PDB file of N, CA and C in Angstrom:
ATOM      1  N   MET A   1     187.422 -98.443 215.285  1.00  0.00           N
ATOM      2  CA  MET A   1     189.305 -99.068 215.721  1.00  0.00           C
ATOM      3  C   MET A   1     189.285 -98.570 217.040  1.00  0.00           C
ATOM      4  N   ARG A   2     189.129 -97.698 217.583  1.00  0.00           N
ATOM      5  CA  ARG A   2     188.768 -96.880 218.854  1.00  0.00           C
ATOM      6  C   ARG A   2     188.123 -98.252 219.873  1.00  0.00           C
ATOM      7  N   TRP A   3     186.896 -98.151 219.426  1.00  0.00           N
ATOM      8  CA  TRP A   3     186.038 -98.424 219.603  1.00  0.00           C
ATOM      9  C   TRP A   3     186.596-100.293 220.322  1.00  0.00           C
ATOM     10  N   ARG A   4     186.580-101.090 219.065  1.00  0.00           N
ATOM     11  CA  ARG A   4     187.792-102.600 219.467  1.00  0.00           C
ATOM     12  C   ARG A   4     188.200-102.311 220.741  1.00  0.00           C
ATOM     13  N   SER A   5     189.634-101.817 220.267  1.00  0.00           N
ATOM     14  CA  SER A   5     190.304-101.654 221.280  1.00  0.00           C
ATOM     15  C   SER A   5     190.210-101.279 222.602  1.00  0.00           C
ATOM     16  N   LEU A   6     189.245-100.586 223.375  1.00  0.00           N
ATOM     17  CA  LEU A   6     189.161-100.383 223.844  1.00  0.00           C
ATOM     18  C   LEU A   6     188.054-101.985 225.136  1.00  0.00           C
ATOM     19  N   VAL A   7     187.358-102.383 223.825  1.00  0.00           N
ATOM     20  CA  VAL A   7     186.778-103.613 224.111  1.00  0.00           C
ATOM     21  C   VAL A   7     187.519-104.229 224.748  1.00  0.00           C
ATOM     22  N   LEU A   8     188.801-104.451 223.600  1.00  0.00           N
ATOM     23  CA  LEU A   8     189.652-106.028 224.232  1.00  0.00           C
ATOM     24  C   LEU A   8     190.802-105.817 225.154  1.00  0.00           C
ATOM     25  N   VAL A   9     190.924-104.296 225.595  1.00  0.00           N
ATOM     26  CA  VAL A   9     191.276-104.471 226.702  1.00  0.00           C
ATOM     27  C   VAL A   9     190.911-104.595 227.966  1.00  0.00           C
ATOM     28  N   ALA A  10     189.228-104.543 227.998  1.00  0.00           N
ATOM     29  CA  ALA A  10     188.258-104.588 228.834  1.00  0.00           C
ATOM     30  C   ALA A  10     188.125-106.003 229.271  1.00  0.00           C
ATOM     31  N   VAL A  11     188.382-106.266 228.438  1.00  0.00           N
ATOM     32  CA  VAL A  11     188.155-108.539 228.043  1.00  0.00           C
ATOM     33  C   VAL A  11     189.474-108.719 229.074  1.00  0.00           C
ATOM     34  N   ALA A  12     190.682-108.036 228.310  1.00  0.00           N
ATOM     35  CA  ALA A  12     192.328-108.330 229.306  1.00  0.00           C
ATOM     36  C   ALA A  12     191.672-108.082 230.285  1.00  0.00           C
ATOM     37  N   ILE A  13     191.045-107.289 231.271  1.00  0.00           N
ATOM     38  CA  ILE A  13     190.910-107.002 232.141  1.00  0.00           C
ATOM     39  C   ILE A  13     190.019-108.043 233.031  1.00  0.00           C
ATOM     40  N   LEU A  14     189.037-108.091 232.356  1.00  0.00           N
ATOM     41  CA  LEU A  14     187.908-109.061 233.296  1.00  0.00           C
ATOM     42  C   LEU A  14     188.791-110.703 233.495  1.00  0.00           C
ATOM     43  N   VAL A  15     189.582-111.121 232.601  1.00  0.00           N
ATOM     44  CA  VAL A  15     190.187-112.200 232.196  1.00  0.00           C
ATOM     45  C   VAL A  15     190.885-112.324 233.153  1.00  0.00           C
ATOM     46  N   VAL A  16     192.224-111.168 233.523  1.00  0.00           N
ATOM     47  CA  VAL A  16     193.279-111.586 234.874  1.00  0.00           C
ATOM     48  C   VAL A  16     192.539-110.908 236.017  1.00  0.00           C
ATOM     49  N   ALA A  17     191.505-110.172 236.146  1.00  0.00           N
ATOM     50  CA  ALA A  17     190.846-109.860 237.649  1.00  0.00           C
ATOM     51  C   ALA A  17     190.001-111.552 237.941  1.00  0.00           C
ATOM     52  N   GLY A  18     189.560-112.006 237.478  1.00  0.00           N
ATOM     53  CA  GLY A  18     189.224-113.529 236.610  1.00  0.00           C
ATOM     54  C   GLY A  18     189.944-115.335 237.102  1.00  0.00           C
ATOM     55  N   CYS A  19     191.003-114.569 237.214  1.00  0.00           N
ATOM     56  CA  CYS A  19     191.928-115.453 237.387  1.00  0.00           C
ATOM     57  C   CYS A  19     192.634-115.872 239.124  1.00  0.00           C
ATOM     58  N   LYS A  20     192.137-114.669 239.822  1.00  0.00           N
ATOM     59  CA  LYS A  20     192.402-114.622 241.148  1.00  0.00           C
ATOM     60  C   LYS A  20     191.446-116.258 242.278  1.00  0.00           C
ATOM     61  N   ARG A  21     192.808-116.676 242.714  1.00  0.00           N
ATOM     62  CA  ARG A  21     192.454-118.187 242.650  1.00  0.00           C
ATOM     63  C   ARG A  21     191.462-117.583 244.752  1.00  0.00           C
ATOM     64  N   GLU A  22     189.962-117.838 244.622  1.00  0.00           N
ATOM     65  CA  GLU A  22     189.827-117.750 246.374  1.00  0.00           C
ATOM     66  C   GLU A  22     189.247-119.131 246.754  1.00  0.00           C
ATOM     67  N   PHE A  23     189.297-119.750 248.001  1.00  0.00           N
ATOM     68  CA  PHE A  23     188.587-120.078 248.416  1.00  0.00           C
ATOM     69  C   PHE A  23     188.189-120.466 250.117  1.00  0.00           C
ATOM     70  N   GLY A  24     187.071-121.461 250.252  1.00  0.00           N
ATOM     71  CA  GLY A  24     186.293-121.425 250.981  1.00  0.00           C
ATOM     72  C   GLY A  24     186.222-122.269 252.306  1.00  0.00           C
ATOM     73  N   ASN A  25     185.953-122.025 253.009  1.00  0.00           N
ATOM     74  CA  ASN A  25     185.731-123.735 254.010  1.00  0.00           C
ATOM     75  C   ASN A  25     185.212-124.985 253.381  1.00  0.00           C
ATOM     76  N   ARG A  26     184.234-124.306 252.785  1.00  0.00           N
ATOM     77  CA  ARG A  26     183.438-125.100 252.046  1.00  0.00           C
ATOM     78  C   ARG A  26     183.757-125.866 250.865  1.00  0.00           C
ATOM     79  N   ASN A  27     185.406-125.629 249.675  1.00  0.00           N
ATOM     80  CA  ASN A  27     186.422-125.623 249.002  1.00  0.00           C
ATOM     81  C   ASN A  27     187.031-127.171 250.309  1.00  0.00           C
ATOM     82  N   LEU A  28     187.489-126.011 251.429  1.00  0.00           N
ATOM     83  CA  LEU A  28     188.454-127.402 252.055  1.00  0.00           C
ATOM     84  C   LEU A  28     187.720-128.503 252.803  1.00  0.00           C
ATOM     85  N   ALA A  29     186.522-128.473 253.393  1.00  0.00           N
ATOM     86  CA  ALA A  29     185.589-129.531 253.601  1.00  0.00           C
ATOM     87  C   ALA A  29     185.909-131.031 252.758  1.00  0.00           C
ATOM     88  N   GLN A  30     185.569-130.145 250.868  1.00  0.00           N
ATOM     89  CA  GLN A  30     185.473-131.820 250.557  1.00  0.00           C
ATOM     90  C   GLN A  30     187.755-132.191 250.916  1.00  0.00           C
ATOM     91  N   LEU A  31     188.223-131.719 251.355  1.00  0.00           N
ATOM     92  CA  LEU A  31     189.895-132.444 251.083  1.00  0.00           C
ATOM     93  C   LEU A  31     189.164-133.841 251.969  1.00  0.00           C
ATOM     94  N   LYS A  32     189.834-134.599 251.912  1.00  0.00           N
ATOM     95  CA  LYS A  32     189.733-135.860 252.480  1.00  0.00           C
ATOM     96  C   LYS A  32     191.274-136.582 252.875  1.00  0.00           C
ATOM     97  N   ILE A  33     191.265-136.878 254.318  1.00  0.00           N
ATOM     98  CA  ILE A  33     192.792-138.014 254.315  1.00  0.00           C
ATOM     99  C   ILE A  33     193.546-138.779 253.729  1.00  0.00           C
ATOM    100  N   ASN A  34     193.841-139.059 252.176  1.00  0.00           N
ATOM    101  CA  ASN A  34     194.112-139.773 251.138  1.00  0.00           C
ATOM    102  C   ASN A  34     194.343-140.179 250.273  1.00  0.00           C
ATOM    103  N   MET A  35     193.752-138.212 249.875  1.00  0.00           N
ATOM    104  CA  MET A  35     193.983-138.077 248.285  1.00  0.00           C
ATOM    105  C   MET A  35     195.547-137.637 248.087  1.00  0.00           C
ATOM    106  N   THR A  36     195.075-137.550 246.345  1.00  0.00           N
ATOM    107  CA  THR A  36     196.639-137.185 246.177  1.00  0.00           C
ATOM    108  C   THR A  36     197.238-135.234 245.990  1.00  0.00           C
ATOM    109  N   PRO A  37     197.960-135.071 245.795  1.00  0.00           N
ATOM    110  CA  PRO A  37     198.774-133.818 245.671  1.00  0.00           C
ATOM    111  C   PRO A  37     197.314-133.350 244.418  1.00  0.00           C
ATOM    112  N   LYS A  38     197.417-134.297 243.298  1.00  0.00           N
ATOM    113  CA  LYS A  38     196.159-133.863 241.777  1.00  0.00           C
ATOM    114  C   LYS A  38     195.387-133.384 242.828  1.00  0.00           C
ATOM    115  N   GLU A  39     194.419-134.024 243.306  1.00  0.00           N
ATOM    116  CA  GLU A  39     193.587-134.535 243.766  1.00  0.00           C
ATOM    117  C   GLU A  39     192.639-132.664 244.426  1.00  0.00           C
ATOM    118  N   VAL A  40     193.895-133.098 245.432  1.00  0.00           N
ATOM    119  CA  VAL A  40     193.985-131.764 246.712  1.00  0.00           C
ATOM    120  C   VAL A  40     193.751-130.351 245.345  1.00  0.00           C
ATOM    121  N   GLU A  41     195.142-130.222 244.366  1.00  0.00           N
ATOM    122  CA  GLU A  41     194.504-129.076 243.685  1.00  0.00           C
ATOM    123  C   GLU A  41     193.932-129.007 243.136  1.00  0.00           C
ATOM    124  N   SER A  42     192.830-129.961 242.116  1.00  0.00           N
ATOM    125  CA  SER A  42     191.835-129.672 241.308  1.00  0.00           C
ATOM    126  C   SER A  42     190.207-128.950 242.272  1.00  0.00           C
ATOM    127  N   ILE A  43     190.631-129.275 243.528  1.00  0.00           N
ATOM    128  CA  ILE A  43     189.871-128.128 244.280  1.00  0.00           C
ATOM    129  C   ILE A  43     190.127-126.984 244.750  1.00  0.00           C
ATOM    130  N   LEU A  44     191.388-127.105 244.883  1.00  0.00           N
ATOM    131  CA  LEU A  44     192.024-125.698 245.900  1.00  0.00           C
ATOM    132  C   LEU A  44     192.549-124.900 245.096  1.00  0.00           C
ATOM    133  N   GLY A  45     192.982-125.416 243.626  1.00  0.00           N
ATOM    134  CA  GLY A  45     193.663-124.478 242.878  1.00  0.00           C
ATOM    135  C   GLY A  45     195.947-125.260 242.952  1.00  0.00           C
ATOM    136  N   SER A  46     196.692-124.160 242.459  1.00  0.00           N
ATOM    137  CA  SER A  46     197.872-124.965 242.667  1.00  0.00           C
ATOM    138  C   SER A  46     198.563-124.356 244.118  1.00  0.00           C
ATOM    139  N   PRO A  47     199.274-124.036 244.761  1.00  0.00           N
ATOM    140  CA  PRO A  47     199.582-123.668 245.864  1.00  0.00           C
ATOM    141  C   PRO A  47     200.585-122.855 245.975  1.00  0.00           C
ATOM    142  N   ASP A  48     200.501-121.745 246.594  1.00  0.00           N
ATOM    143  CA  ASP A  48     201.243-120.272 246.201  1.00  0.00           C
ATOM    144  C   ASP A  48     202.607-121.015 246.435  1.00  0.00           C
ATOM    145  N   ARG A  49     203.235-121.803 247.583  1.00  0.00           N
ATOM    146  CA  ARG A  49     204.710-122.533 248.122  1.00  0.00           C
ATOM    147  C   ARG A  49     204.042-123.752 247.995  1.00  0.00           C
ATOM    148  N   THR A  50     205.471-124.088 247.881  1.00  0.00           N
ATOM    149  CA  THR A  50     205.768-125.832 248.682  1.00  0.00           C
ATOM    150  C   THR A  50     206.766-126.225 249.253  1.00  0.00           C
ATOM    151  N   GLU A  51     207.185-126.970 250.325  1.00  0.00           N
ATOM    152  CA  GLU A  51     208.208-127.502 250.481  1.00  0.00           C
ATOM    153  C   GLU A  51     208.068-128.728 250.911  1.00  0.00           C
ATOM    154  N   LYS A  52     209.834-129.384 250.427  1.00  0.00           N
ATOM    155  CA  LYS A  52     209.494-130.564 249.893  1.00  0.00           C
ATOM    156  C   LYS A  52     211.648-131.369 251.604  1.00  0.00           C
ATOM    157  N   SER A  53     210.811-132.275 252.275  1.00  0.00           N
ATOM    158  CA  SER A  53     211.543-132.740 252.346  1.00  0.00           C
ATOM    159  C   SER A  53     211.790-134.470 253.377  1.00  0.00           C
ATOM    160  N   GLU A  54     212.743-134.527 253.078  1.00  0.00           N
ATOM    161  CA  GLU A  54     211.995-136.299 253.865  1.00  0.00           C
ATOM    162  C   GLU A  54     212.874-136.884 255.028  1.00  0.00           C
ATOM    163  N   VAL A  55     212.311-137.248 255.486  1.00  0.00           N
ATOM    164  CA  VAL A  55     211.892-138.124 256.712  1.00  0.00           C
ATOM    165  C   VAL A  55     212.641-138.695 257.180  1.00  0.00           C
ATOM    166  N   ASN A  56     213.285-139.433 258.120  1.00  0.00           N
ATOM    167  CA  ASN A  56     214.132-140.436 258.208  1.00  0.00           C
ATOM    168  C   ASN A  56     213.110-140.973 259.563  1.00  0.00           C
ATOM    169  N   LEU A  57     213.148-142.672 258.606  1.00  0.00           N
ATOM    170  CA  LEU A  57     212.570-143.570 259.781  1.00  0.00           C
ATOM    171  C   LEU A  57     213.214-144.400 260.395  1.00  0.00           C
ATOM    172  N   GLU A  58     213.185-144.931 261.527  1.00  0.00           N
ATOM    173  CA  GLU A  58     213.877-146.105 261.800  1.00  0.00           C
ATOM    174  C   GLU A  58     214.186-147.150 261.296  1.00  0.00           C
ATOM    175  N   THR A  59     213.428-147.366 260.301  1.00  0.00           N
ATOM    176  CA  THR A  59     213.905-148.624 259.840  1.00  0.00           C
ATOM    177  C   THR A  59     214.813-148.056 258.770  1.00  0.00           C
ATOM    178  N   GLN A  60     215.735-147.584 259.047  1.00  0.00           N
ATOM    179  CA  GLN A  60     216.628-146.872 257.767  1.00  0.00           C
ATOM    180  C   GLN A  60     216.729-145.828 256.714  1.00  0.00           C
ATOM    181  N   ARG A  61     215.403-146.120 256.745  1.00  0.00           N
ATOM    182  CA  ARG A  61     213.916-145.640 255.492  1.00  0.00           C
ATOM    183  C   ARG A  61     214.009-144.460 255.312  1.00  0.00           C
ATOM    184  N   THR A  62     213.405-143.898 254.000  1.00  0.00           N
ATOM    185  CA  THR A  62     213.081-142.061 254.263  1.00  0.00           C
ATOM    186  C   THR A  62     211.657-141.942 253.868  1.00  0.00           C
ATOM    187  N   MET A  63     211.319-141.242 253.839  1.00  0.00           N
ATOM    188  CA  MET A  63     209.611-140.727 253.966  1.00  0.00           C
ATOM    189  C   MET A  63     209.758-139.210 253.029  1.00  0.00           C
ATOM    190  N   ALA A  64     208.952-139.316 251.676  1.00  0.00           N
ATOM    191  CA  ALA A  64     208.954-138.033 251.279  1.00  0.00           C
ATOM    192  C   ALA A  64     207.979-137.387 252.011  1.00  0.00           C
ATOM    193  N   VAL A  65     207.589-135.847 252.570  1.00  0.00           N
ATOM    194  CA  VAL A  65     207.058-134.993 252.588  1.00  0.00           C
ATOM    195  C   VAL A  65     206.907-133.706 251.924  1.00  0.00           C
ATOM    196  N   ILE A  66     205.802-133.654 251.780  1.00  0.00           N
ATOM    197  CA  ILE A  66     205.584-132.084 250.631  1.00  0.00           C
ATOM    198  C   ILE A  66     204.542-131.365 251.432  1.00  0.00           C
ATOM    199  N   LYS A  67     204.430-129.841 251.869  1.00  0.00           N
ATOM    200  CA  LYS A  67     203.931-130.014 252.546  1.00  0.00           C
ATOM    201  C   LYS A  67     203.582-128.478 251.106  1.00  0.00           C
ATOM    202  N   TYR A  68     202.205-127.998 251.301  1.00  0.00           N
ATOM    203  CA  TYR A  68     201.375-127.354 250.291  1.00  0.00           C
ATOM    204  C   TYR A  68     200.746-126.168 251.222  1.00  0.00           C
ATOM    205  N   PHE A  69     202.099-124.804 250.771  1.00  0.00           N
ATOM    206  CA  PHE A  69     200.570-123.619 251.548  1.00  0.00           C
ATOM    207  C   PHE A  69     200.442-122.553 250.369  1.00  0.00           C
ATOM    208  N   TYR A  70     199.093-122.160 251.338  1.00  0.00           N
ATOM    209  CA  TYR A  70     198.066-121.517 250.583  1.00  0.00           C
ATOM    210  C   TYR A  70     197.500-120.426 251.363  1.00  0.00           C
ATOM    211  N   ASP A  71     197.848-119.574 250.665  1.00  0.00           N
ATOM    212  CA  ASP A  71     197.585-117.543 251.043  1.00  0.00           C
ATOM    213  C   ASP A  71     196.194-117.441 250.824  1.00  0.00           C
ATOM    214  N   GLN A  72     195.688-117.067 251.959  1.00  0.00           N
ATOM    215  CA  GLN A  72     194.057-116.838 251.206  1.00  0.00           C
ATOM    216  C   GLN A  72     193.255-115.385 252.731  1.00  0.00           C
ATOM    217  N   ASP A  73     193.351-114.154 252.458  1.00  0.00           N
ATOM    218  CA  ASP A  73     192.578-113.626 252.932  1.00  0.00           C
ATOM    219  C   ASP A  73     193.881-112.732 254.394  1.00  0.00           C
ATOM    220  N   GLY A  74     194.851-113.612 254.190  1.00  0.00           N
ATOM    221  CA  GLY A  74     195.690-112.677 255.324  1.00  0.00           C
ATOM    222  C   GLY A  74     195.719-114.311 256.156  1.00  0.00           C
ATOM    223  N   GLN A  75     195.145-115.602 255.160  1.00  0.00           N
ATOM    224  CA  GLN A  75     195.594-117.099 256.069  1.00  0.00           C
ATOM    225  C   GLN A  75     196.722-117.649 255.645  1.00  0.00           C
ATOM    226  N   THR A  76     197.186-118.366 256.563  1.00  0.00           N
ATOM    227  CA  THR A  76     197.858-119.116 255.351  1.00  0.00           C
ATOM    228  C   THR A  76     197.277-120.773 255.922  1.00  0.00           C
ATOM    229  N   VAL A  77     196.868-121.708 255.066  1.00  0.00           N
ATOM    230  CA  VAL A  77     196.508-122.674 254.922  1.00  0.00           C
ATOM    231  C   VAL A  77     197.811-123.526 254.205  1.00  0.00           C
ATOM    232  N   VAL A  78     197.842-124.398 255.367  1.00  0.00           N
ATOM    233  CA  VAL A  78     199.127-125.781 254.703  1.00  0.00           C
ATOM    234  C   VAL A  78     198.231-127.051 254.978  1.00  0.00           C
ATOM    235  N   VAL A  79     198.285-128.222 254.024  1.00  0.00           N
ATOM    236  CA  VAL A  79     198.307-129.387 253.896  1.00  0.00           C
ATOM    237  C   VAL A  79     199.523-130.209 253.442  1.00  0.00           C
ATOM    238  N   GLN A  80     199.437-130.825 254.390  1.00  0.00           N
ATOM    239  CA  GLN A  80     200.981-131.480 254.168  1.00  0.00           C
ATOM    240  C   GLN A  80     200.689-133.250 253.380  1.00  0.00           C
ATOM    241  N   PHE A  81     200.965-134.090 252.462  1.00  0.00           N
ATOM    242  CA  PHE A  81     200.623-135.265 252.031  1.00  0.00           C
ATOM    243  C   PHE A  81     202.358-135.938 252.552  1.00  0.00           C
ATOM    244  N   GLN A  82     202.372-137.386 252.988  1.00  0.00           N
ATOM    245  CA  GLN A  82     203.122-138.042 253.010  1.00  0.00           C
ATOM    246  C   GLN A  82     203.263-139.376 252.396  1.00  0.00           C
ATOM    247  N   ASN A  83     204.363-139.629 250.921  1.00  0.00           N
ATOM    248  CA  ASN A  83     204.241-140.842 249.992  1.00  0.00           C
ATOM    249  C   ASN A  83     203.439-140.331 249.460  1.00  0.00           C
ATOM    250  N   GLY A  84     202.834-139.068 248.944  1.00  0.00           N
ATOM    251  CA  GLY A  84     202.138-139.254 247.725  1.00  0.00           C
ATOM    252  C   GLY A  84     200.303-138.658 248.221  1.00  0.00           C
ATOM    253  N   ARG A  85     200.600-139.076 249.688  1.00  0.00           N
ATOM    254  CA  ARG A  85     199.351-138.962 250.118  1.00  0.00           C
ATOM    255  C   ARG A  85     198.928-138.175 251.034  1.00  0.00           C
ATOM    256  N   LEU A  86     197.707-137.202 251.445  1.00  0.00           N
ATOM    257  CA  LEU A  86     196.660-135.939 252.301  1.00  0.00           C
ATOM    258  C   LEU A  86     197.384-136.544 253.168  1.00  0.00           C
ATOM    259  N   VAL A  87     198.128-136.187 254.634  1.00  0.00           N
ATOM    260  CA  VAL A  87     197.571-136.440 256.191  1.00  0.00           C
ATOM    261  C   VAL A  87     197.407-135.367 256.650  1.00  0.00           C
ATOM    262  N   GLY A  88     197.207-135.895 258.024  1.00  0.00           N
ATOM    263  CA  GLY A  88     197.087-134.935 259.524  1.00  0.00           C
ATOM    264  C   GLY A  88     195.745-134.407 259.437  1.00  0.00           C
ATOM    265  N   GLU A  89     195.528-132.668 260.235  1.00  0.00           N
ATOM    266  CA  GLU A  89     194.818-132.300 260.181  1.00  0.00           C
ATOM    267  C   GLU A  89     194.128-131.248 259.184  1.00  0.00           C
ATOM    268  N   LEU A  90     192.936-131.921 259.091  1.00  0.00           N
ATOM    269  CA  LEU A  90     192.188-130.950 257.967  1.00  0.00           C
ATOM    270  C   LEU A  90     192.439-129.788 258.590  1.00  0.00           C
ATOM    271  N   PRO A  91     192.674-128.822 257.356  1.00  0.00           N
ATOM    272  CA  PRO A  91     192.741-127.460 257.818  1.00  0.00           C
ATOM    273  C   PRO A  91     191.529-126.708 257.779  1.00  0.00           C
ATOM    274  N   LYS A  92     191.112-125.186 258.236  1.00  0.00           N
ATOM    275  CA  LYS A  92     190.345-124.125 257.562  1.00  0.00           C
ATOM    276  C   LYS A  92     190.508-123.031 258.145  1.00  0.00           C
ATOM    277  N   LEU A  93     189.842-122.363 258.140  1.00  0.00           N
ATOM    278  CA  LEU A  93     190.183-120.602 257.325  1.00  0.00           C
ATOM    279  C   LEU A  93     189.259-120.207 258.720  1.00  0.00           C
ATOM    280  N   LYS A  94     189.888-118.934 259.287  1.00  0.00           N
ATOM    281  CA  LYS A  94     189.294-118.726 260.492  1.00  0.00           C
ATOM    282  C   LYS A  94     188.660-117.684 260.140  1.00  0.00           C
ATOM    283  N   GLU A  95     187.053-117.837 260.821  1.00  0.00           N
ATOM    284  CA  GLU A  95     186.254-116.532 259.936  1.00  0.00           C
ATOM    285  C   GLU A  95     186.732-114.984 260.702  1.00  0.00           C
ATOM    286  N   GLN A  96     186.387-114.345 259.642  1.00  0.00           N
ATOM    287  CA  GLN A  96     186.573-112.848 259.752  1.00  0.00           C
ATOM    288  C   GLN A  96     185.334-111.736 259.931  1.00  0.00           C
TER     289      GLN A  96
END
């Protein structure tokens, strides 16, 4: 009975340790302008945090802007979406 408990604890520890999301420049290179948030999440995983805002345009309309923040090895990678599509400069991690 004790042996079984030890095995279950060991498996649980491995599962939790394996859940840590890590990515590198190889993953970031897969990002393409015009991707949806869901497509980006399929490559990088769920963001650590998000920011949503509205930008007022000159035409008296607004545009939805969402920023995804990913923390990795002391660095923060930011990807930005406008109207549900990836825009802007694609991020890269600094080599350490």
